Amino acid sequence: MARYLFSASYSTDGVRGVLKEGGSARRNAIGKGIEALGGNMEAFYLTFGKADAIVIAEVPDNTTAAALSLAVSASGGAGVHTTVLLTSEEIDAAAGLSVSYRPPGA
């Protein structure tokens, strides 16, 4: 399974929902949604700054990650930014691949 970082920024309605139901309810709802897609939530944090909440989760593939992101964004409660997380071993493997590339103007 692949790992992803989902960063969510709540809309005004989303903030109202958090105030009404609490952060634990959001964590539980997101966790159940991820499990229903065959994944597991590793971490859920509410944050200060550009994102209001972040989730680190393992889900089967990019399609599943996109489905989760689309569903949350379509709800109107939050906008989601999804980042693929790579292990150091995956980067080691990528560094070992030969890539034919010519930079612009070279």
PDB file of N, CA and C in Angstrom:
ATOM      1  N   MET A   1       0.846  -1.191   0.000  1.00  0.00           N
ATOM      2  CA  MET A   1       0.000   0.000   0.000  1.00  0.00           C
ATOM      3  C   MET A   1       0.884   1.245   0.000  1.00  0.00           C
ATOM      4  N   ALA A   2       0.341   2.314  -0.539  1.00  0.00           N
ATOM      5  CA  ALA A   2       1.049   3.584  -0.611  1.00  0.00           C
ATOM      6  C   ALA A   2       0.621   4.485   0.554  1.00  0.00           C
ATOM      7  N   ARG A   3       1.539   5.377   0.939  1.00  0.00           N
ATOM      8  CA  ARG A   3       1.266   6.309   2.037  1.00  0.00           C
ATOM      9  C   ARG A   3       1.049   7.714   1.475  1.00  0.00           C
ATOM     10  N   TYR A   4       0.125   8.430   2.102  1.00  0.00           N
ATOM     11  CA  TYR A   4      -0.222   9.775   1.666  1.00  0.00           C
ATOM     12  C   TYR A   4      -0.378  10.696   2.870  1.00  0.00           C
ATOM     13  N   LEU A   5      -0.093  11.981   2.614  1.00  0.00           N
ATOM     14  CA  LEU A   5      -0.380  13.039   3.566  1.00  0.00           C
ATOM     15  C   LEU A   5      -1.538  13.839   2.984  1.00  0.00           C
ATOM     16  N   PHE A   6      -2.650  13.845   3.686  1.00  0.00           N
ATOM     17  CA  PHE A   6      -3.815  14.630   3.286  1.00  0.00           C
ATOM     18  C   PHE A   6      -3.867  15.864   4.180  1.00  0.00           C
ATOM     19  N   SER A   7      -3.826  17.047   3.572  1.00  0.00           N
ATOM     20  CA  SER A   7      -3.927  18.302   4.316  1.00  0.00           C
ATOM     21  C   SER A   7      -5.280  18.919   3.998  1.00  0.00           C
ATOM     22  N   ALA A   8      -6.045  19.200   5.025  1.00  0.00           N
ATOM     23  CA  ALA A   8      -7.399  19.732   4.831  1.00  0.00           C
ATOM     24  C   ALA A   8      -7.515  21.135   5.403  1.00  0.00           C
ATOM     25  N   SER A   9      -8.166  21.999   4.648  1.00  0.00           N
ATOM     26  CA  SER A   9      -8.495  23.350   5.109  1.00  0.00           C
ATOM     27  C   SER A   9     -10.011  23.438   5.187  1.00  0.00           C
ATOM     28  N   TYR A  10     -10.511  23.652   6.400  1.00  0.00           N
ATOM     29  CA  TYR A  10     -11.956  23.667   6.604  1.00  0.00           C
ATOM     30  C   TYR A  10     -12.609  24.906   6.016  1.00  0.00           C
ATOM     31  N   SER A  11     -13.778  24.719   5.443  1.00  0.00           N
ATOM     32  CA  SER A  11     -14.624  25.838   5.036  1.00  0.00           C
ATOM     33  C   SER A  11     -15.294  26.369   6.309  1.00  0.00           C
ATOM     34  N   THR A  12     -16.049  27.445   6.166  1.00  0.00           N
ATOM     35  CA  THR A  12     -16.788  27.979   7.316  1.00  0.00           C
ATOM     36  C   THR A  12     -17.740  26.924   7.871  1.00  0.00           C
ATOM     37  N   ASP A  13     -18.431  26.202   6.971  1.00  0.00           N
ATOM     38  CA  ASP A  13     -19.332  25.133   7.423  1.00  0.00           C
ATOM     39  C   ASP A  13     -18.553  24.013   8.109  1.00  0.00           C
ATOM     40  N   GLY A  14     -17.370  23.706   7.600  1.00  0.00           N
ATOM     41  CA  GLY A  14     -16.543  22.679   8.221  1.00  0.00           C
ATOM     42  C   GLY A  14     -16.125  23.065   9.637  1.00  0.00           C
ATOM     43  N   VAL A  15     -15.761  24.318   9.814  1.00  0.00           N
ATOM     44  CA  VAL A  15     -15.390  24.798  11.154  1.00  0.00           C
ATOM     45  C   VAL A  15     -16.588  24.706  12.092  1.00  0.00           C
ATOM     46  N   ARG A  16     -17.761  25.064  11.597  1.00  0.00           N
ATOM     47  CA  ARG A  16     -18.974  24.953  12.427  1.00  0.00           C
ATOM     48  C   ARG A  16     -19.207  23.501  12.840  1.00  0.00           C
ATOM     49  N   GLY A  17     -18.970  22.574  11.904  1.00  0.00           N
ATOM     50  CA  GLY A  17     -19.129  21.159  12.224  1.00  0.00           C
ATOM     51  C   GLY A  17     -18.155  20.695  13.292  1.00  0.00           C
ATOM     52  N   VAL A  18     -16.914  21.147  13.201  1.00  0.00           N
ATOM     53  CA  VAL A  18     -15.917  20.781  14.215  1.00  0.00           C
ATOM     54  C   VAL A  18     -16.314  21.362  15.570  1.00  0.00           C
ATOM     55  N   LEU A  19     -16.776  22.601  15.582  1.00  0.00           N
ATOM     56  CA  LEU A  19     -17.201  23.209  16.843  1.00  0.00           C
ATOM     57  C   LEU A  19     -18.385  22.454  17.455  1.00  0.00           C
ATOM     58  N   LYS A  20     -19.280  21.968  16.602  1.00  0.00           N
ATOM     59  CA  LYS A  20     -20.467  21.258  17.087  1.00  0.00           C
ATOM     60  C   LYS A  20     -20.128  19.843  17.546  1.00  0.00           C
ATOM     61  N   GLU A  21     -19.350  19.091  16.726  1.00  0.00           N
ATOM     62  CA  GLU A  21     -19.106  17.667  16.991  1.00  0.00           C
ATOM     63  C   GLU A  21     -17.775  17.380  17.671  1.00  0.00           C
ATOM     64  N   GLY A  22     -16.814  18.282  17.540  1.00  0.00           N
ATOM     65  CA  GLY A  22     -15.500  18.078  18.145  1.00  0.00           C
ATOM     66  C   GLY A  22     -14.501  17.428  17.196  1.00  0.00           C
ATOM     67  N   GLY A  23     -13.244  17.574  17.531  1.00  0.00           N
ATOM     68  CA  GLY A  23     -12.161  17.030  16.728  1.00  0.00           C
ATOM     69  C   GLY A  23     -12.143  15.509  16.695  1.00  0.00           C
ATOM     70  N   SER A  24     -12.500  14.882  17.799  1.00  0.00           N
ATOM     71  CA  SER A  24     -12.506  13.414  17.846  1.00  0.00           C
ATOM     72  C   SER A  24     -13.509  12.824  16.868  1.00  0.00           C
ATOM     73  N   ALA A  25     -14.632  13.492  16.689  1.00  0.00           N
ATOM     74  CA  ALA A  25     -15.639  13.023  15.731  1.00  0.00           C
ATOM     75  C   ALA A  25     -15.091  13.083  14.310  1.00  0.00           C
ATOM     76  N   ARG A  26     -14.324  14.134  13.997  1.00  0.00           N
ATOM     77  CA  ARG A  26     -13.699  14.254  12.672  1.00  0.00           C
ATOM     78  C   ARG A  26     -12.679  13.143  12.474  1.00  0.00           C
ATOM     79  N   ARG A  27     -11.844  12.916  13.494  1.00  0.00           N
ATOM     80  CA  ARG A  27     -10.844  11.849  13.416  1.00  0.00           C
ATOM     81  C   ARG A  27     -11.519  10.508  13.165  1.00  0.00           C
ATOM     82  N   ASN A  28     -12.572  10.221  13.902  1.00  0.00           N
ATOM     83  CA  ASN A  28     -13.269   8.945  13.758  1.00  0.00           C
ATOM     84  C   ASN A  28     -13.937   8.806  12.391  1.00  0.00           C
ATOM     85  N   ALA A  29     -14.545   9.880  11.895  1.00  0.00           N
ATOM     86  CA  ALA A  29     -15.213   9.833  10.589  1.00  0.00           C
ATOM     87  C   ALA A  29     -14.201   9.594   9.469  1.00  0.00           C
ATOM     88  N   ILE A  30     -13.084  10.293   9.528  1.00  0.00           N
ATOM     89  CA  ILE A  30     -12.048  10.114   8.501  1.00  0.00           C
ATOM     90  C   ILE A  30     -11.468   8.703   8.590  1.00  0.00           C
ATOM     91  N   GLY A  31     -11.203   8.237   9.793  1.00  0.00           N
ATOM     92  CA  GLY A  31     -10.657   6.885   9.972  1.00  0.00           C
ATOM     93  C   GLY A  31     -11.574   5.819   9.405  1.00  0.00           C
ATOM     94  N   LYS A  32     -12.875   5.943   9.654  1.00  0.00           N
ATOM     95  CA  LYS A  32     -13.841   4.974   9.116  1.00  0.00           C
ATOM     96  C   LYS A  32     -13.884   5.021   7.592  1.00  0.00           C
ATOM     97  N   GLY A  33     -13.808   6.229   7.022  1.00  0.00           N
ATOM     98  CA  GLY A  33     -13.812   6.357   5.573  1.00  0.00           C
ATOM     99  C   GLY A  33     -12.593   5.713   4.937  1.00  0.00           C
ATOM    100  N   ILE A  34     -11.447   5.891   5.558  1.00  0.00           N
ATOM    101  CA  ILE A  34     -10.207   5.295   5.049  1.00  0.00           C
ATOM    102  C   ILE A  34     -10.266   3.776   5.162  1.00  0.00           C
ATOM    103  N   GLU A  35     -10.743   3.270   6.291  1.00  0.00           N
ATOM    104  CA  GLU A  35     -10.872   1.818   6.472  1.00  0.00           C
ATOM    105  C   GLU A  35     -11.835   1.211   5.453  1.00  0.00           C
ATOM    106  N   ALA A  36     -12.922   1.919   5.149  1.00  0.00           N
ATOM    107  CA  ALA A  36     -13.892   1.422   4.177  1.00  0.00           C
ATOM    108  C   ALA A  36     -13.284   1.303   2.781  1.00  0.00           C
ATOM    109  N   LEU A  37     -12.230   2.061   2.532  1.00  0.00           N
ATOM    110  CA  LEU A  37     -11.535   2.003   1.241  1.00  0.00           C
ATOM    111  C   LEU A  37     -10.377   1.002   1.260  1.00  0.00           C
ATOM    112  N   GLY A  38     -10.255   0.245   2.341  1.00  0.00           N
ATOM    113  CA  GLY A  38      -9.193  -0.759   2.434  1.00  0.00           C
ATOM    114  C   GLY A  38      -7.880  -0.227   2.961  1.00  0.00           C
ATOM    115  N   GLY A  39      -7.907   0.956   3.563  1.00  0.00           N
ATOM    116  CA  GLY A  39      -6.681   1.553   4.086  1.00  0.00           C
ATOM    117  C   GLY A  39      -6.676   1.645   5.596  1.00  0.00           C
ATOM    118  N   ASN A  40      -5.659   2.300   6.122  1.00  0.00           N
ATOM    119  CA  ASN A  40      -5.617   2.560   7.559  1.00  0.00           C
ATOM    120  C   ASN A  40      -5.010   3.932   7.824  1.00  0.00           C
ATOM    121  N   MET A  41      -5.543   4.607   8.823  1.00  0.00           N
ATOM    122  CA  MET A  41      -5.075   5.932   9.203  1.00  0.00           C
ATOM    123  C   MET A  41      -3.973   5.769  10.233  1.00  0.00           C
ATOM    124  N   GLU A  42      -2.811   6.338   9.930  1.00  0.00           N
ATOM    125  CA  GLU A  42      -1.684   6.273  10.859  1.00  0.00           C
ATOM    126  C   GLU A  42      -1.699   7.426  11.851  1.00  0.00           C
ATOM    127  N   ALA A  43      -2.135   8.604  11.380  1.00  0.00           N
ATOM    128  CA  ALA A  43      -2.122   9.776  12.254  1.00  0.00           C
ATOM    129  C   ALA A  43      -3.176  10.774  11.795  1.00  0.00           C
ATOM    130  N   PHE A  44      -3.725  11.487  12.766  1.00  0.00           N
ATOM    131  CA  PHE A  44      -4.666  12.581  12.503  1.00  0.00           C
ATOM    132  C   PHE A  44      -4.317  13.698  13.471  1.00  0.00           C
ATOM    133  N   TYR A  45      -4.073  14.882  12.925  1.00  0.00           N
ATOM    134  CA  TYR A  45      -3.754  16.044  13.762  1.00  0.00           C
ATOM    135  C   TYR A  45      -4.533  17.247  13.289  1.00  0.00           C
ATOM    136  N   LEU A  46      -5.018  18.042  14.226  1.00  0.00           N
ATOM    137  CA  LEU A  46      -5.559  19.363  13.929  1.00  0.00           C
ATOM    138  C   LEU A  46      -4.387  20.329  14.082  1.00  0.00           C
ATOM    139  N   THR A  47      -4.335  21.345  13.201  1.00  0.00           N
ATOM    140  CA  THR A  47      -3.139  22.178  13.143  1.00  0.00           C
ATOM    141  C   THR A  47      -3.481  23.664  13.088  1.00  0.00           C
ATOM    142  N   PHE A  48      -2.461  24.482  13.314  1.00  0.00           N
ATOM    143  CA  PHE A  48      -2.530  25.919  13.050  1.00  0.00           C
ATOM    144  C   PHE A  48      -1.913  26.140  11.676  1.00  0.00           C
ATOM    145  N   GLY A  49      -2.279  27.216  11.013  1.00  0.00           N
ATOM    146  CA  GLY A  49      -1.621  27.538   9.749  1.00  0.00           C
ATOM    147  C   GLY A  49      -2.506  27.302   8.550  1.00  0.00           C
ATOM    148  N   LYS A  50      -1.853  27.038   7.412  1.00  0.00           N
ATOM    149  CA  LYS A  50      -2.571  26.889   6.142  1.00  0.00           C
ATOM    150  C   LYS A  50      -3.547  25.713   6.168  1.00  0.00           C
ATOM    151  N   ALA A  51      -3.129  24.601   6.733  1.00  0.00           N
ATOM    152  CA  ALA A  51      -4.013  23.429   6.874  1.00  0.00           C
ATOM    153  C   ALA A  51      -4.632  23.434   8.270  1.00  0.00           C
ATOM    154  N   ASP A  52      -5.871  23.004   8.339  1.00  0.00           N
ATOM    155  CA  ASP A  52      -6.546  22.890   9.631  1.00  0.00           C
ATOM    156  C   ASP A  52      -6.428  21.494  10.216  1.00  0.00           C
ATOM    157  N   ALA A  53      -6.217  20.518   9.326  1.00  0.00           N
ATOM    158  CA  ALA A  53      -6.060  19.132   9.773  1.00  0.00           C
ATOM    159  C   ALA A  53      -5.142  18.410   8.800  1.00  0.00           C
ATOM    160  N   ILE A  54      -4.363  17.463   9.336  1.00  0.00           N
ATOM    161  CA  ILE A  54      -3.553  16.608   8.473  1.00  0.00           C
ATOM    162  C   ILE A  54      -3.790  15.157   8.861  1.00  0.00           C
ATOM    163  N   VAL A  55      -3.743  14.316   7.844  1.00  0.00           N
ATOM    164  CA  VAL A  55      -3.919  12.877   8.031  1.00  0.00           C
ATOM    165  C   VAL A  55      -2.800  12.177   7.286  1.00  0.00           C
ATOM    166  N   ILE A  56      -2.170  11.220   7.936  1.00  0.00           N
ATOM    167  CA  ILE A  56      -1.242  10.325   7.259  1.00  0.00           C
ATOM    168  C   ILE A  56      -1.938   8.978   7.214  1.00  0.00           C
ATOM    169  N   ALA A  57      -2.059   8.449   5.989  1.00  0.00           N
ATOM    170  CA  ALA A  57      -2.793   7.199   5.816  1.00  0.00           C
ATOM    171  C   ALA A  57      -2.143   6.335   4.749  1.00  0.00           C
ATOM    172  N   GLU A  58      -2.339   5.033   4.908  1.00  0.00           N
ATOM    173  CA  GLU A  58      -1.993   4.067   3.878  1.00  0.00           C
ATOM    174  C   GLU A  58      -3.284   3.677   3.183  1.00  0.00           C
ATOM    175  N   VAL A  59      -3.286   3.797   1.868  1.00  0.00           N
ATOM    176  CA  VAL A  59      -4.421   3.338   1.067  1.00  0.00           C
ATOM    177  C   VAL A  59      -3.858   2.548  -0.112  1.00  0.00           C
ATOM    178  N   PRO A  60      -4.688   1.734  -0.748  1.00  0.00           N
ATOM    179  CA  PRO A  60      -4.176   0.821  -1.762  1.00  0.00           C
ATOM    180  C   PRO A  60      -3.413   1.456  -2.930  1.00  0.00           C
ATOM    181  N   ASP A  61      -3.855   2.642  -3.410  1.00  0.00           N
ATOM    182  CA  ASP A  61      -3.232   3.188  -4.616  1.00  0.00           C
ATOM    183  C   ASP A  61      -3.654   4.641  -4.821  1.00  0.00           C
ATOM    184  N   ASN A  62      -3.121   5.253  -5.885  1.00  0.00           N
ATOM    185  CA  ASN A  62      -3.434   6.652  -6.195  1.00  0.00           C
ATOM    186  C   ASN A  62      -4.920   6.869  -6.456  1.00  0.00           C
ATOM    187  N   THR A  63      -5.564   5.909  -7.100  1.00  0.00           N
ATOM    188  CA  THR A  63      -6.986   6.038  -7.399  1.00  0.00           C
ATOM    189  C   THR A  63      -7.794   6.132  -6.110  1.00  0.00           C
ATOM    190  N   THR A  64      -7.438   5.305  -5.145  1.00  0.00           N
ATOM    191  CA  THR A  64      -8.129   5.323  -3.853  1.00  0.00           C
ATOM    192  C   THR A  64      -7.873   6.638  -3.129  1.00  0.00           C
ATOM    193  N   ALA A  65      -6.632   7.110  -3.157  1.00  0.00           N
ATOM    194  CA  ALA A  65      -6.302   8.392  -2.526  1.00  0.00           C
ATOM    195  C   ALA A  65      -7.092   9.525  -3.176  1.00  0.00           C
ATOM    196  N   ALA A  66      -7.190   9.486  -4.497  1.00  0.00           N
ATOM    197  CA  ALA A  66      -7.955  10.517  -5.205  1.00  0.00           C
ATOM    198  C   ALA A  66      -9.434  10.450  -4.839  1.00  0.00           C
ATOM    199  N   ALA A  67      -9.980   9.246  -4.726  1.00  0.00           N
ATOM    200  CA  ALA A  67     -11.392   9.089  -4.358  1.00  0.00           C
ATOM    201  C   ALA A  67     -11.663   9.699  -2.983  1.00  0.00           C
ATOM    202  N   LEU A  68     -10.774   9.458  -2.043  1.00  0.00           N
ATOM    203  CA  LEU A  68     -10.937  10.020  -0.692  1.00  0.00           C
ATOM    204  C   LEU A  68     -10.867  11.540  -0.736  1.00  0.00           C
ATOM    205  N   SER A  69      -9.878  12.048  -1.419  1.00  0.00           N
ATOM    206  CA  SER A  69      -9.711  13.493  -1.528  1.00  0.00           C
ATOM    207  C   SER A  69     -10.912  14.150  -2.200  1.00  0.00           C
ATOM    208  N   LEU A  70     -11.394  13.543  -3.283  1.00  0.00           N
ATOM    209  CA  LEU A  70     -12.558  14.087  -3.985  1.00  0.00           C
ATOM    210  C   LEU A  70     -13.809  14.076  -3.115  1.00  0.00           C
ATOM    211  N   ALA A  71     -14.018  12.989  -2.384  1.00  0.00           N
ATOM    212  CA  ALA A  71     -15.210  12.879  -1.537  1.00  0.00           C
ATOM    213  C   ALA A  71     -15.208  13.940  -0.443  1.00  0.00           C
ATOM    214  N   VAL A  72     -14.063  14.136   0.188  1.00  0.00           N
ATOM    215  CA  VAL A  72     -13.983  15.140   1.262  1.00  0.00           C
ATOM    216  C   VAL A  72     -14.174  16.534   0.678  1.00  0.00           C
ATOM    217  N   SER A  73     -13.503  16.826  -0.429  1.00  0.00           N
ATOM    218  CA  SER A  73     -13.629  18.154  -1.035  1.00  0.00           C
ATOM    219  C   SER A  73     -15.053  18.412  -1.535  1.00  0.00           C
ATOM    220  N   ALA A  74     -15.689  17.394  -2.128  1.00  0.00           N
ATOM    221  CA  ALA A  74     -17.047  17.552  -2.656  1.00  0.00           C
ATOM    222  C   ALA A  74     -18.071  17.787  -1.558  1.00  0.00           C
ATOM    223  N   SER A  75     -17.753  17.382  -0.332  1.00  0.00           N
ATOM    224  CA  SER A  75     -18.693  17.567   0.774  1.00  0.00           C
ATOM    225  C   SER A  75     -18.896  19.036   1.112  1.00  0.00           C
ATOM    226  N   GLY A  76     -17.943  19.872   0.717  1.00  0.00           N
ATOM    227  CA  GLY A  76     -18.041  21.298   1.026  1.00  0.00           C
ATOM    228  C   GLY A  76     -17.504  21.664   2.392  1.00  0.00           C
ATOM    229  N   GLY A  77     -17.150  20.676   3.206  1.00  0.00           N
ATOM    230  CA  GLY A  77     -16.652  20.958   4.550  1.00  0.00           C
ATOM    231  C   GLY A  77     -15.177  21.288   4.612  1.00  0.00           C
ATOM    232  N   ALA A  78     -14.434  20.892   3.576  1.00  0.00           N
ATOM    233  CA  ALA A  78     -12.996  21.138   3.546  1.00  0.00           C
ATOM    234  C   ALA A  78     -12.469  20.971   2.140  1.00  0.00           C
ATOM    235  N   GLY A  79     -11.391  21.657   1.865  1.00  0.00           N
ATOM    236  CA  GLY A  79     -10.632  21.434   0.641  1.00  0.00           C
ATOM    237  C   GLY A  79      -9.423  20.591   1.022  1.00  0.00           C
ATOM    238  N   VAL A  80      -9.022  19.666   0.160  1.00  0.00           N
ATOM    239  CA  VAL A  80      -7.951  18.727   0.504  1.00  0.00           C
ATOM    240  C   VAL A  80      -6.801  18.838  -0.488  1.00  0.00           C
ATOM    241  N   HIS A  81      -5.597  18.827   0.033  1.00  0.00           N
ATOM    242  CA  HIS A  81      -4.371  18.741  -0.763  1.00  0.00           C
ATOM    243  C   HIS A  81      -3.741  17.399  -0.415  1.00  0.00           C
ATOM    244  N   THR A  82      -3.434  16.588  -1.435  1.00  0.00           N
ATOM    245  CA  THR A  82      -2.905  15.243  -1.219  1.00  0.00           C
ATOM    246  C   THR A  82      -1.454  15.180  -1.668  1.00  0.00           C
ATOM    247  N   THR A  83      -0.592  14.647  -0.798  1.00  0.00           N
ATOM    248  CA  THR A  83       0.830  14.497  -1.088  1.00  0.00           C
ATOM    249  C   THR A  83       1.208  13.026  -0.975  1.00  0.00           C
ATOM    250  N   VAL A  84       1.843  12.494  -2.022  1.00  0.00           N
ATOM    251  CA  VAL A  84       2.348  11.122  -1.969  1.00  0.00           C
ATOM    252  C   VAL A  84       3.594  11.118  -1.091  1.00  0.00           C
ATOM    253  N   LEU A  85       3.674  10.164  -0.176  1.00  0.00           N
ATOM    254  CA  LEU A  85       4.842  10.033   0.699  1.00  0.00           C
ATOM    255  C   LEU A  85       5.702   8.870   0.211  1.00  0.00           C
ATOM    256  N   LEU A  86       6.988   9.111   0.068  1.00  0.00           N
ATOM    257  CA  LEU A  86       7.921   8.094  -0.399  1.00  0.00           C
ATOM    258  C   LEU A  86       8.860   7.696   0.734  1.00  0.00           C
ATOM    259  N   THR A  87       9.183   6.423   0.804  1.00  0.00           N
ATOM    260  CA  THR A  87      10.148   5.956   1.798  1.00  0.00           C
ATOM    261  C   THR A  87      11.561   6.257   1.309  1.00  0.00           C
ATOM    262  N   SER A  88      12.521   6.224   2.199  1.00  0.00           N
ATOM    263  CA  SER A  88      13.911   6.436   1.800  1.00  0.00           C
ATOM    264  C   SER A  88      14.367   5.325   0.853  1.00  0.00           C
ATOM    265  N   GLU A  89      13.837   4.122   1.035  1.00  0.00           N
ATOM    266  CA  GLU A  89      14.176   3.017   0.143  1.00  0.00           C
ATOM    267  C   GLU A  89      13.656   3.246  -1.273  1.00  0.00           C
ATOM    268  N   GLU A  90      12.475   3.849  -1.390  1.00  0.00           N
ATOM    269  CA  GLU A  90      11.946   4.166  -2.718  1.00  0.00           C
ATOM    270  C   GLU A  90      12.819   5.208  -3.414  1.00  0.00           C
ATOM    271  N   ILE A  91      13.313   6.187  -2.662  1.00  0.00           N
ATOM    272  CA  ILE A  91      14.212   7.186  -3.232  1.00  0.00           C
ATOM    273  C   ILE A  91      15.538   6.545  -3.622  1.00  0.00           C
ATOM    274  N   ASP A  92      16.046   5.613  -2.791  1.00  0.00           N
ATOM    275  CA  ASP A  92      17.269   4.885  -3.148  1.00  0.00           C
ATOM    276  C   ASP A  92      17.094   4.168  -4.478  1.00  0.00           C
ATOM    277  N   ALA A  93      15.949   3.502  -4.656  1.00  0.00           N
ATOM    278  CA  ALA A  93      15.681   2.788  -5.903  1.00  0.00           C
ATOM    279  C   ALA A  93      15.584   3.767  -7.072  1.00  0.00           C
ATOM    280  N   ALA A  94      14.936   4.906  -6.861  1.00  0.00           N
ATOM    281  CA  ALA A  94      14.809   5.912  -7.913  1.00  0.00           C
ATOM    282  C   ALA A  94      16.179   6.480  -8.284  1.00  0.00           C
ATOM    283  N   ALA A  95      17.026   6.709  -7.290  1.00  0.00           N
ATOM    284  CA  ALA A  95      18.362   7.252  -7.542  1.00  0.00           C
ATOM    285  C   ALA A  95      19.207   6.274  -8.352  1.00  0.00           C
ATOM    286  N   GLY A  96      18.886   4.994  -8.269  1.00  0.00           N
ATOM    287  CA  GLY A  96      19.629   3.979  -8.999  1.00  0.00           C
ATOM    288  C   GLY A  96      19.192   3.797 -10.446  1.00  0.00           C
ATOM    289  N   LEU A  97      18.115   4.475 -10.847  1.00  0.00           N
ATOM    290  CA  LEU A  97      17.638   4.353 -12.225  1.00  0.00           C
ATOM    291  C   LEU A  97      18.371   5.342 -13.125  1.00  0.00           C
ATOM    292  N   SER A  98      18.676   4.925 -14.321  1.00  0.00           N
ATOM    293  CA  SER A  98      19.329   5.796 -15.299  1.00  0.00           C
ATOM    294  C   SER A  98      18.246   6.539 -16.066  1.00  0.00           C
ATOM    295  N   VAL A  99      18.341   7.874 -16.082  1.00  0.00           N
ATOM    296  CA  VAL A  99      17.348   8.696 -16.751  1.00  0.00           C
ATOM    297  C   VAL A  99      18.038   9.515 -17.842  1.00  0.00           C
ATOM    298  N   SER A 100      17.519   9.435 -19.052  1.00  0.00           N
ATOM    299  CA  SER A 100      18.025  10.260 -20.148  1.00  0.00           C
ATOM    300  C   SER A 100      17.271  11.574 -20.133  1.00  0.00           C
ATOM    301  N   TYR A 101      18.005  12.662 -19.858  1.00  0.00           N
ATOM    302  CA  TYR A 101      17.354  13.956 -19.741  1.00  0.00           C
ATOM    303  C   TYR A 101      18.299  15.034 -20.234  1.00  0.00           C
ATOM    304  N   ARG A 102      17.762  15.998 -20.970  1.00  0.00           N
ATOM    305  CA  ARG A 102      18.524  17.161 -21.426  1.00  0.00           C
ATOM    306  C   ARG A 102      17.838  18.410 -20.876  1.00  0.00           C
ATOM    307  N   PRO A 103      18.557  19.222 -20.078  1.00  0.00           N
ATOM    308  CA  PRO A 103      17.923  20.432 -19.554  1.00  0.00           C
ATOM    309  C   PRO A 103      17.645  21.453 -20.667  1.00  0.00           C
ATOM    310  N   PRO A 104      16.696  22.349 -20.456  1.00  0.00           N
ATOM    311  CA  PRO A 104      16.374  23.350 -21.467  1.00  0.00           C
ATOM    312  C   PRO A 104      17.617  24.163 -21.845  1.00  0.00           C
ATOM    313  N   GLY A 105      17.803  24.369 -23.133  1.00  0.00           N
ATOM    314  CA  GLY A 105      18.902  25.200 -23.623  1.00  0.00           C
ATOM    315  C   GLY A 105      20.249  24.503 -23.683  1.00  0.00           C
ATOM    316  N   ALA A 106      20.316  23.253 -23.266  1.00  0.00           N
ATOM    317  CA  ALA A 106      21.620  22.553 -23.259  1.00  0.00           C
ATOM    318  C   ALA A 106      21.898  21.920 -24.595  1.00  0.00           C
TER     319      ALA A 106
END
